Amino acid sequence: MHIGLLFRLSLNKEAPMPDRRRVIIILLAAIIIAAIAAAGRADRALSAGSGLTAASSARRDDAAEPASPGALIFKENCAGCHGPDASGTEIGPTLKAVNDSSLVERVVRSGKGPMPSFAARLSGAEIGAVAEYIASTSTISLAGGTLSRGGSLYRLDCAGCHGATGRGGALVSVGLNAPALTGFSPAEVATAIIFGPGPMPSFSKAIVDQHDLASLVDFVETLKEPDHPGGQPLGYRGPVTEALAGAGALAVLLLVTVWIERRGRG
């Protein structure tokens, strides 16, 4: 019933007393309900206003803290291959283990493998900025490894392709060439283990966890400058090369012995 009609009925002195009381009660209830509804609408309006204020404040904060120059350079030149957060894609490896900015600068300047040089596209300051940014985003620690564990993992998973001494060439017989590991930095070795470039398989965390990764990287570092017990290292190619060299030397000695013996008879 319309509130105005109820109000007129409540003022009608000719209406019986019980009807007038009933109308007044209904009128008071309607006023209370209307007041509650109005209060609810006001609260919602205040909440919406607070939300808009917070959003505007967040936008102002974002505007006040723009992305670093290195981040912008990475987004424009690197994210297409290495991913927007440097976690890698099918085209380019993850950079999360690269915490050496000087290494990044060298690779960006000169290129490496399928990656082109950016020296003609970026200035020295820009290369330095993006290198610092990539190093700052590194989240894969290579500290805390164990050499004995790294050696065991290397002999189990790596020596079959890269050779016992890390000099590569173990797959030449099948038309593949696993490269020597002596020219790669710890970050590059870790990236290769995680990403698996070319025909090399990738090793997930379920196979190589953080400690195993650091252990493998530490062991590969020892292969670059191994202990030198004396004699000719023969390029540190391993026991097969040493055996062939020994067999060749023995054959030469036998030939010289036979030649001397025949000359003595003559």
Foldseek 3Di string as FASTA:
>chain_A
DDLVVLVVLLVPPVDDPVVNVVSVVVNVVVVVVVVVVVVVVVVVVVVVVVVVVVVVVVVVVPVVDDDDLLLVCCVVPPCVAQNNLQCGDPRGFRLLLPQDLVVQLVCQQPNDDPGHHCPVPDPPVNSSSNSNVSNVSRDQDLPDEDQVLLLVCCVVQPCCACNNLQCWPNCVVVPDTDHRPLPDALSVQLRCQQPPPDPGDHDHCVRANSRNSSNNSVNSNCSNPDDDPDDDCQSVRDDVVVVVVVVVVVVVVVVVVVVVVVVVVD
